[in-house]
Amino acid sequence: MRRYWNFLLLLVASMVLLAACSKNDSASSDKGEKVTLTAWAWNVNVGALKEAAKEFQQENPNIELKVEDIGRLDVYDKLSTGLAAGGTGLPDIVLVEDDRIHGYVEAFPKGFLNLSEKGFDKHADHFPQFKKDLTMVDGKFYAMPFDAGPTGMFYRKDLFEKAGVKAEEIETWDDFLEAGKKIKKATGAYAMPLDKFKDDPIFRMMLNQLGVYYFDKDGKIDLTNPKAVQAMEMLKKFDDAKLIKDVDGWNGVVSATVDGSVATIPFGAWYYGTIIDQAKDTKGKWGVFLLPAFEKGGNRAANLGGSSWMIPASTKHPEEAYKFLEFFSTTKEIQLMAMEKYGLFPSLSTAYDSELFTSGVEFFSGEKIWQLFANEMKDIPTAYYTNDYSIALDESIKAQADVFNGKDVKKALKEAAERIKARTKREINRY
């Protein structure tokens, strides 16, 4: 019996010691010990993160941030592998595109920290509803909102002027269709570029502005929705009128931007950076107007792209990781830095009253393009991605290709919905 009690006391003591060690690990920076956080990100996000870390260290000298610049798809490969292995090899902080957040949380419900439990709800009012819907699961934040992609029509003023077209008079897609015909006749330029058989960004923007998407809020397949049919039929009108330039992927879009073979590029606000970097000689020839509505007075707001920050539950430094990300995501000056230097459009609404947003942009002839995008944010509907988004995207692109090859729109979208059902076992909304 004595040996049993000695063993029990030893076991309890060990548990207490282990708990104390765990507590010390998570709060080590408060005791003056050095903590190094690791973050995974890609492209321009890396530079923004590094600069923010320097600012953060001024008040938190014991917390360092090591940023690993990993390709976007490589991040997802490593993240998925690590989550499947129970968190092995994962960083403290990871950048995740908004269309993947719900899928990750659904697939790995214990894989990420619940940020609402850490207190992030107090910042909720500073972000637009659509961004909150993308970063929250079951009413709880699992990601801190970062950049967004409010959409617009980047257009060549010189081509519009040569054709006698005024951007401010374009209110609907039908208006733009007629304007596109005039522009092509006068200048030879197409209305817009699209990799017709490999991507569907214009269709996605149209769906979003109409308040629908591949799936509805309950996760049902929604490609047979009359609004989805309306969007695809509108896109077909442009193709029938030979106003869409068929380009080869991203490089094809950029080439069309540079050589002036398209009059507009419908994209997210982030495309500004590509224009000023790749088409330097066109300074002063650009403007921006909102996506045309489907009827006069209809919604002209949509989103394309955007990402947010998540904290894997396997982190050994949850408090420090949260503290840094809260600083990064909710500090106005940091978000302005990320936009001004790296073109990352902020979701943080407190940034919109700054001079950067209220003043004109020289490259765009002094137009207040950032104010236009900022005003749009509150009107952007939520797109519901689910963890089957990649499958739906694949089948939607096939449907678009079928339509461009002559298939009836309703039939093409119905067949796409059936294929998604077969691949995902999800229900289809019937209309």
Protein backbone atom coordinates (compact mmCIF):
# COMPACT_ATOMS: atom_id res chain seq x y z
CA MET A 1 0.00 0.00 0.00
CA ARG A 2 2.81 2.40 0.90
CA ARG A 3 4.41 1.80 -2.52
CA TYR A 4 1.07 2.61 -4.17
CA TRP A 5 0.72 5.94 -2.30
CA ASN A 6 4.32 6.87 -3.04
CA PHE A 7 3.66 6.21 -6.73
CA LEU A 8 0.45 8.26 -6.61
CA LEU A 9 2.18 11.21 -4.96
CA LEU A 10 4.96 11.05 -7.51
CA LEU A 11 2.42 11.00 -10.33
CA VAL A 12 0.56 14.04 -8.95
CA ALA A 13 3.81 15.92 -8.47
CA SER A 14 4.80 15.15 -12.04
CA MET A 15 1.46 16.44 -13.34
CA VAL A 16 1.79 19.67 -11.37
CA LEU A 17 5.32 20.15 -12.69
CA LEU A 18 4.18 19.48 -16.24
CA ALA A 19 1.35 21.99 -15.92
CA ALA A 20 3.73 24.58 -14.53
CA CYS A 21 6.13 24.01 -17.40
CA SER A 22 3.32 24.35 -19.91
CA LYS A 23 2.20 27.58 -18.28
CA ASN A 24 5.73 28.89 -18.37
CA ASP A 25 6.06 28.01 -22.06
CA SER A 26 3.03 30.07 -23.06
CA ALA A 27 3.98 33.02 -20.93
CA SER A 28 7.76 32.88 -21.30
CA SER A 29 7.97 36.29 -22.98
CA ASP A 30 6.35 37.89 -19.94
CA LYS A 31 9.23 36.62 -17.80
CA GLY A 32 11.88 38.11 -20.03
CA GLU A 33 12.67 34.92 -21.92
CA LYS A 34 13.10 35.09 -25.66
CA VAL A 35 10.27 33.66 -27.77
CA THR A 36 10.64 33.07 -31.49
CA LEU A 37 7.44 32.73 -33.48
CA THR A 38 7.42 31.17 -36.92
CA ALA A 39 5.05 32.35 -39.66
CA TRP A 40 4.31 30.92 -43.10
CA ALA A 41 3.34 33.34 -45.87
CA TRP A 42 4.08 34.10 -49.51
CA ASN A 43 4.72 36.92 -51.93
CA VAL A 44 4.17 40.51 -50.75
CA ASN A 45 2.63 39.31 -47.48
CA VAL A 46 6.12 38.34 -46.31
CA GLY A 47 7.44 41.89 -46.50
CA ALA A 48 4.40 43.30 -44.73
CA LEU A 49 4.76 40.75 -41.93
CA LYS A 50 8.46 41.46 -41.46
CA GLU A 51 7.94 45.22 -41.25
CA ALA A 52 5.09 44.79 -38.77
CA ALA A 53 7.32 42.54 -36.65
CA LYS A 54 9.91 45.32 -36.37
CA GLU A 55 7.26 47.72 -35.08
CA PHE A 56 5.87 45.11 -32.71
CA GLN A 57 9.31 44.42 -31.21
CA GLN A 58 9.67 48.00 -30.07
CA GLU A 59 7.09 47.28 -27.37
CA ASN A 60 7.71 43.54 -27.20
CA PRO A 61 11.51 43.08 -27.45
CA ASN A 62 11.38 39.47 -26.25
CA ILE A 63 9.16 38.26 -29.10
CA GLU A 64 10.81 37.64 -32.43
CA LEU A 65 9.13 36.60 -35.66
CA LYS A 66 10.75 34.32 -38.19
CA VAL A 67 8.89 34.57 -41.50
CA GLU A 68 9.29 31.70 -43.93
CA ASP A 69 8.56 32.69 -47.53
CA ILE A 70 6.84 29.61 -48.91
CA GLY A 71 4.93 29.36 -52.16
CA ARG A 72 1.15 29.61 -51.79
CA LEU A 73 0.37 26.04 -52.81
CA ASP A 74 3.34 24.74 -50.82
CA VAL A 75 1.88 26.38 -47.71
CA TYR A 76 -1.34 24.44 -48.18
CA ASP A 77 0.47 21.17 -48.84
CA LYS A 78 2.57 21.52 -45.69
CA LEU A 79 -0.37 22.80 -43.65
CA SER A 80 -2.63 19.91 -44.64
CA THR A 81 0.10 17.36 -43.99
CA GLY A 82 0.89 18.86 -40.58
CA LEU A 83 -2.75 19.04 -39.53
CA ALA A 84 -3.30 15.42 -40.55
CA ALA A 85 -0.31 14.50 -38.38
CA GLY A 86 -1.79 16.20 -35.34
CA GLY A 87 0.06 19.50 -35.73
CA THR A 88 3.54 18.16 -36.39
CA GLY A 89 5.89 20.67 -38.02
CA LEU A 90 3.40 23.52 -38.17
CA PRO A 91 4.26 27.20 -37.58
CA ASP A 92 2.77 29.51 -34.95
CA ILE A 93 1.10 31.69 -37.58
CA VAL A 94 -0.08 30.89 -41.10
CA LEU A 95 -1.65 32.89 -43.91
CA VAL A 96 -4.74 31.27 -45.44
CA GLU A 97 -6.86 32.54 -48.32
CA ASP A 98 -10.45 33.23 -47.33
CA ASP A 99 -11.91 30.61 -49.65
CA ARG A 100 -10.08 27.88 -47.71
CA ILE A 101 -10.70 28.87 -44.09
CA HIS A 102 -14.04 27.13 -43.57
CA GLY A 103 -12.77 24.04 -45.34
CA TYR A 104 -9.79 23.74 -43.02
CA VAL A 105 -11.85 24.27 -39.87
CA GLU A 106 -14.47 21.77 -41.02
CA ALA A 107 -11.82 19.17 -41.85
CA PHE A 108 -9.73 19.84 -38.71
CA PRO A 109 -12.12 21.25 -36.06
CA LYS A 110 -9.40 21.16 -33.39
CA GLY A 111 -6.58 22.21 -35.68
CA PHE A 112 -6.71 25.97 -35.06
CA LEU A 113 -7.13 28.26 -32.07
CA ASN A 114 -10.59 29.66 -31.41
CA LEU A 115 -9.69 33.36 -31.52
CA SER A 116 -13.00 34.46 -30.01
CA GLU A 117 -11.94 32.70 -26.82
CA LYS A 118 -8.84 34.89 -26.89
CA GLY A 119 -10.94 38.04 -27.06
CA PHE A 120 -10.94 38.92 -30.75
CA ASP A 121 -14.70 39.52 -30.76
CA LYS A 122 -14.08 43.01 -29.38
CA HIS A 123 -12.68 44.00 -32.79
CA ALA A 124 -15.58 42.56 -34.82
CA ASP A 125 -17.25 45.91 -35.54
CA HIS A 126 -14.16 47.10 -37.41
CA PHE A 127 -14.55 44.58 -40.23
CA PRO A 128 -17.21 44.25 -42.98
CA GLN A 129 -19.81 41.53 -42.61
CA PHE A 130 -18.67 39.44 -45.57
CA LYS A 131 -15.14 39.26 -44.15
CA LYS A 132 -16.46 38.19 -40.75
CA ASP A 133 -18.56 35.49 -42.37
CA LEU A 134 -15.44 34.14 -44.05
CA THR A 135 -13.28 34.13 -40.92
CA MET A 136 -15.89 32.89 -38.43
CA VAL A 137 -17.24 29.36 -38.03
CA ASP A 138 -20.35 28.81 -35.89
CA GLY A 139 -20.11 32.40 -34.68
CA LYS A 140 -16.48 32.14 -33.55
CA PHE A 141 -13.40 33.69 -35.12
CA TYR A 142 -10.85 31.17 -36.35
CA ALA A 143 -8.92 33.68 -38.46
CA MET A 144 -8.06 37.36 -38.16
CA PRO A 145 -9.25 39.30 -41.22
CA PHE A 146 -6.48 40.72 -43.36
CA ASP A 147 -6.55 41.86 -46.98
CA ALA A 148 -9.61 41.91 -49.22
CA GLY A 149 -10.36 42.18 -52.93
CA PRO A 150 -13.18 44.67 -53.52
CA THR A 151 -13.75 44.61 -57.26
CA GLY A 152 -13.86 47.21 -59.98
CA MET A 153 -13.37 47.81 -63.68
CA PHE A 154 -9.84 49.10 -64.33
CA TYR A 155 -10.26 50.89 -67.65
CA ARG A 156 -8.20 52.69 -70.25
CA LYS A 157 -9.40 56.28 -70.38
CA ASP A 158 -7.75 56.94 -73.73
CA LEU A 159 -9.60 54.06 -75.40
CA PHE A 160 -12.91 55.14 -73.89
CA GLU A 161 -12.35 58.71 -75.04
CA LYS A 162 -11.44 57.66 -78.58
CA ALA A 163 -14.72 55.72 -78.80
CA GLY A 164 -16.74 58.54 -77.22
CA VAL A 165 -17.70 56.39 -74.22
CA LYS A 166 -18.08 57.85 -70.73
CA ALA A 167 -17.43 55.48 -67.84
CA GLU A 168 -19.80 57.36 -65.56
CA GLU A 169 -22.68 56.57 -67.90
CA ILE A 170 -22.16 52.80 -67.59
CA GLU A 171 -24.57 51.60 -64.91
CA THR A 172 -25.49 48.08 -66.05
CA TRP A 173 -23.83 45.14 -67.81
CA ASP A 174 -26.07 45.84 -70.81
CA ASP A 175 -24.71 49.41 -70.84
CA PHE A 176 -21.20 48.02 -70.80
CA LEU A 177 -22.03 45.58 -73.59
CA GLU A 178 -23.05 48.45 -75.87
CA ALA A 179 -20.04 50.49 -74.79
CA GLY A 180 -17.78 47.55 -75.54
CA LYS A 181 -19.12 47.33 -79.08
CA LYS A 182 -18.39 51.02 -79.66
CA ILE A 183 -14.90 50.73 -78.20
CA LYS A 184 -13.97 47.72 -80.30
CA LYS A 185 -15.26 49.36 -83.47
CA ALA A 186 -13.31 52.55 -82.78
CA THR A 187 -10.10 51.11 -81.34
CA GLY A 188 -10.00 47.38 -81.99
CA ALA A 189 -9.69 46.70 -78.26
CA TYR A 190 -11.75 43.95 -76.62
CA ALA A 191 -14.01 44.75 -73.67
CA MET A 192 -12.16 42.46 -71.23
CA PRO A 193 -9.70 39.55 -71.00
CA LEU A 194 -10.53 36.02 -69.84
CA ASP A 195 -8.88 32.61 -69.99
CA LYS A 196 -12.16 31.26 -71.32
CA PHE A 197 -11.51 27.57 -70.81
CA LYS A 198 -9.36 27.56 -67.67
CA ASP A 199 -10.75 30.17 -65.24
CA ASP A 200 -14.02 31.94 -64.38
CA PRO A 201 -13.21 35.11 -62.35
CA ILE A 202 -15.77 37.30 -64.13
CA PHE A 203 -18.52 34.73 -63.52
CA ARG A 204 -17.51 34.54 -59.83
CA MET A 205 -17.66 38.33 -59.49
CA MET A 206 -21.07 38.38 -61.16
CA LEU A 207 -22.36 35.63 -58.87
CA ASN A 208 -21.08 37.46 -55.80
CA GLN A 209 -22.66 40.78 -56.71
CA LEU A 210 -25.97 38.96 -57.27
CA GLY A 211 -25.73 37.44 -53.79
CA VAL A 212 -25.27 33.83 -54.90
CA TYR A 213 -22.30 31.52 -55.37
CA TYR A 214 -21.43 27.90 -56.11
CA PHE A 215 -23.00 26.96 -52.75
CA ASP A 216 -25.66 28.58 -50.57
CA LYS A 217 -25.29 29.32 -46.85
CA ASP A 218 -26.46 25.79 -46.00
CA GLY A 219 -23.83 24.20 -48.22
CA LYS A 220 -26.21 23.15 -50.99
CA ILE A 221 -25.07 23.34 -54.61
CA ASP A 222 -26.52 26.54 -56.08
CA LEU A 223 -25.35 26.67 -59.70
CA THR A 224 -28.90 26.13 -60.95
CA ASN A 225 -30.07 29.31 -59.19
CA PRO A 226 -31.79 31.65 -61.72
CA LYS A 227 -29.26 34.33 -60.75
CA ALA A 228 -26.39 32.01 -61.68
CA VAL A 229 -28.09 31.42 -65.02
CA GLN A 230 -28.50 35.19 -65.42
CA ALA A 231 -24.80 35.75 -64.79
CA MET A 232 -23.63 33.10 -67.25
CA GLU A 233 -26.06 34.32 -69.90
CA MET A 234 -24.66 37.83 -69.54
CA LEU A 235 -21.12 36.55 -69.94
CA LYS A 236 -22.23 34.67 -73.07
CA LYS A 237 -23.60 37.91 -74.55
CA PHE A 238 -20.11 39.38 -74.41
CA ASP A 239 -18.60 36.29 -75.98
CA ASP A 240 -21.23 36.19 -78.74
CA ALA A 241 -20.39 39.83 -79.50
CA LYS A 242 -16.68 38.86 -79.69
CA LEU A 243 -15.83 41.27 -76.90
CA ILE A 244 -13.88 38.82 -74.73
CA LYS A 245 -10.19 38.36 -75.49
CA ASP A 246 -9.23 34.73 -74.83
CA VAL A 247 -5.92 34.91 -72.98
CA ASP A 248 -3.52 32.33 -71.58
CA GLY A 249 -3.76 32.49 -67.80
CA TRP A 250 -2.38 35.25 -65.60
CA ASN A 251 0.43 36.15 -67.99
CA GLY A 252 -2.11 36.61 -70.76
CA VAL A 253 -4.13 39.06 -68.66
CA VAL A 254 -0.98 41.04 -67.86
CA SER A 255 0.07 41.11 -71.51
CA ALA A 256 -3.34 42.43 -72.54
CA THR A 257 -3.05 45.08 -69.84
CA VAL A 258 0.31 46.21 -71.10
CA ASP A 259 -0.38 46.21 -74.85
CA GLY A 260 -3.78 47.92 -74.65
CA SER A 261 -5.66 45.16 -76.44
CA VAL A 262 -8.42 45.27 -73.80
CA ALA A 263 -10.33 48.34 -72.65
CA THR A 264 -11.08 47.10 -69.13
CA ILE A 265 -9.85 44.51 -66.65
CA PRO A 266 -12.52 43.47 -64.10
CA PHE A 267 -10.53 42.44 -61.01
CA GLY A 268 -9.93 42.99 -57.32
CA ALA A 269 -8.34 46.19 -55.99
CA TRP A 270 -5.04 44.32 -55.73
CA TYR A 271 -4.64 44.47 -59.53
CA TYR A 272 -3.58 48.10 -59.11
CA GLY A 273 -0.11 46.87 -58.17
CA THR A 274 0.22 44.86 -61.37
CA ILE A 275 -0.80 47.83 -63.52
CA ILE A 276 1.66 50.29 -62.01
CA ASP A 277 4.44 47.69 -62.04
CA GLN A 278 3.93 46.12 -65.46
CA ALA A 279 2.41 49.02 -67.43
CA LYS A 280 4.52 51.95 -66.24
CA ASP A 281 4.28 53.71 -69.61
CA THR A 282 0.49 54.02 -69.30
CA LYS A 283 0.56 56.37 -66.33
CA GLY A 284 -2.37 58.77 -66.44
CA LYS A 285 -4.35 56.62 -68.88
CA TRP A 286 -6.24 54.58 -66.27
CA GLY A 287 -9.44 54.96 -64.30
CA VAL A 288 -11.68 52.71 -62.20
CA PHE A 289 -15.44 52.32 -61.98
CA LEU A 290 -17.55 49.80 -60.09
CA LEU A 291 -18.76 46.58 -61.66
CA PRO A 292 -21.89 47.27 -63.70
CA ALA A 293 -25.14 46.14 -62.06
CA PHE A 294 -27.55 43.68 -63.62
CA GLU A 295 -30.31 46.27 -63.45
CA LYS A 296 -30.32 50.00 -62.77
CA GLY A 297 -29.93 50.63 -59.08
CA GLY A 298 -28.73 47.05 -58.49
CA ASN A 299 -25.73 45.99 -56.44
CA ARG A 300 -22.33 46.83 -57.93
CA ALA A 301 -20.19 45.45 -55.09
CA ALA A 302 -18.31 42.15 -55.11
CA ASN A 303 -15.08 40.65 -53.82
CA LEU A 304 -12.36 38.63 -55.54
CA GLY A 305 -9.51 37.32 -53.43
CA GLY A 306 -8.37 38.11 -49.92
CA SER A 307 -6.70 36.25 -47.06
CA SER A 308 -6.53 36.09 -43.27
CA TRP A 309 -4.27 34.84 -40.48
CA MET A 310 -4.73 31.64 -38.47
CA ILE A 311 -2.95 30.15 -35.45
CA PRO A 312 -2.49 26.36 -35.48
CA ALA A 313 -3.56 24.81 -32.17
CA SER A 314 -0.21 23.02 -31.99
CA THR A 315 1.68 26.26 -31.31
CA LYS A 316 3.78 26.29 -28.15
CA HIS A 317 3.29 30.04 -27.84
CA PRO A 318 -0.45 30.76 -28.25
CA GLU A 319 -0.44 33.97 -26.19
CA GLU A 320 2.48 35.49 -28.06
CA ALA A 321 1.13 34.45 -31.44
CA TYR A 322 -2.25 35.97 -30.64
CA LYS A 323 -0.69 39.15 -29.29
CA PHE A 324 1.33 39.70 -32.46
CA LEU A 325 -1.53 38.94 -34.85
CA GLU A 326 -3.92 41.17 -32.92
CA PHE A 327 -1.37 43.97 -33.26
CA PHE A 328 -0.92 43.25 -36.96
CA SER A 329 -4.61 42.93 -37.83
CA THR A 330 -6.11 45.77 -35.79
CA THR A 331 -3.45 48.50 -35.89
CA LYS A 332 -4.45 51.12 -38.42
CA GLU A 333 -0.88 52.24 -39.17
CA ILE A 334 0.25 48.68 -39.86
CA GLN A 335 -2.60 48.07 -42.28
CA LEU A 336 -1.87 51.33 -44.08
CA MET A 337 1.78 50.31 -44.38
CA ALA A 338 0.75 46.96 -45.86
CA MET A 339 -1.39 48.70 -48.44
CA GLU A 340 0.90 51.59 -49.33
CA LYS A 341 4.03 49.47 -49.69
CA TYR A 342 2.63 46.11 -50.74
CA GLY A 343 -0.80 46.81 -52.26
CA LEU A 344 -2.66 44.73 -49.67
CA PHE A 345 -6.13 46.28 -49.38
CA PRO A 346 -7.13 46.34 -45.69
CA SER A 347 -10.34 44.92 -44.26
CA LEU A 348 -9.90 47.13 -41.19
CA SER A 349 -12.48 49.90 -41.56
CA THR A 350 -10.66 52.34 -39.27
CA ALA A 351 -8.03 52.69 -42.00
CA TYR A 352 -10.45 54.17 -44.50
CA ASP A 353 -10.52 57.69 -43.04
CA SER A 354 -6.78 58.16 -43.57
CA GLU A 355 -5.23 60.46 -46.17
CA LEU A 356 -4.19 57.45 -48.24
CA PHE A 357 -7.86 56.72 -48.90
CA THR A 358 -9.19 60.25 -49.16
CA SER A 359 -6.55 61.59 -51.57
CA GLY A 360 -6.14 60.97 -55.27
CA VAL A 361 -3.75 58.46 -56.88
CA GLU A 362 -1.25 60.08 -59.24
CA PHE A 363 -0.94 57.11 -61.62
CA PHE A 364 -4.73 57.25 -62.05
CA SER A 365 -4.79 60.98 -62.84
CA GLY A 366 -5.66 61.88 -59.27
CA GLU A 367 -8.74 59.68 -59.06
CA LYS A 368 -9.69 58.63 -55.52
CA ILE A 369 -9.74 54.95 -56.42
CA TRP A 370 -9.07 53.73 -52.86
CA GLN A 371 -12.05 55.66 -51.56
CA LEU A 372 -14.20 54.00 -54.24
CA PHE A 373 -13.06 50.55 -53.14
CA ALA A 374 -13.42 51.37 -49.44
CA ASN A 375 -17.00 52.59 -49.89
CA GLU A 376 -17.80 49.32 -51.65
CA MET A 377 -16.73 47.05 -48.77
CA LYS A 378 -19.91 47.38 -46.70
CA ASP A 379 -22.10 46.27 -49.63
CA ILE A 380 -20.22 43.10 -50.61
CA PRO A 381 -22.38 39.95 -50.21
CA THR A 382 -20.92 36.86 -48.60
CA ALA A 383 -19.71 34.04 -50.84
CA TYR A 384 -20.08 30.59 -49.28
CA TYR A 385 -17.12 28.43 -50.26
CA THR A 386 -17.34 25.23 -48.13
CA ASN A 387 -14.55 22.64 -48.11
CA ASP A 388 -15.61 21.55 -51.62
CA TYR A 389 -14.84 24.89 -53.24
CA SER A 390 -12.03 23.56 -55.45
CA ILE A 391 -14.33 20.89 -56.88
CA ALA A 392 -17.06 23.43 -57.59
CA LEU A 393 -14.56 25.80 -59.21
CA ASP A 394 -13.36 23.01 -61.48
CA GLU A 395 -16.87 22.11 -62.58
CA SER A 396 -17.92 25.74 -63.00
CA ILE A 397 -15.02 26.34 -65.37
CA LYS A 398 -16.11 23.28 -67.37
CA ALA A 399 -19.64 24.67 -67.54
CA GLN A 400 -18.32 28.02 -68.77
CA ALA A 401 -16.28 26.24 -71.45
CA ASP A 402 -19.37 24.30 -72.50
CA VAL A 403 -21.34 27.55 -72.84
CA PHE A 404 -18.60 29.18 -74.92
CA ASN A 405 -18.63 26.06 -77.10
CA GLY A 406 -22.35 26.51 -77.75
CA LYS A 407 -24.17 24.56 -75.03
CA ASP A 408 -27.34 26.01 -73.52
CA VAL A 409 -26.58 27.89 -70.29
CA LYS A 410 -29.22 26.20 -68.13
CA LYS A 411 -28.16 22.77 -69.34
CA ALA A 412 -24.46 23.46 -68.79
CA LEU A 413 -24.99 24.69 -65.23
CA LYS A 414 -27.36 21.84 -64.41
CA GLU A 415 -24.82 19.31 -65.61
CA ALA A 416 -22.10 21.03 -63.61
CA ALA A 417 -24.28 20.88 -60.49
CA GLU A 418 -24.86 17.15 -61.04
CA ARG A 419 -21.12 16.56 -61.40
CA ILE A 420 -20.46 18.44 -58.15
CA LYS A 421 -23.11 16.34 -56.45
CA ALA A 422 -21.48 13.15 -57.68
CA ARG A 423 -18.08 14.27 -56.43
CA THR A 424 -19.19 15.70 -53.07
CA LYS A 425 -22.52 13.99 -52.20
CA ARG A 426 -24.00 17.44 -51.51
CA GLU A 427 -27.61 18.29 -52.30
CA ILE A 428 -28.58 20.50 -55.22
CA ASN A 429 -30.99 23.37 -54.80
CA ARG A 430 -33.88 22.83 -57.22
CA TYR A 431 -35.62 25.79 -58.87
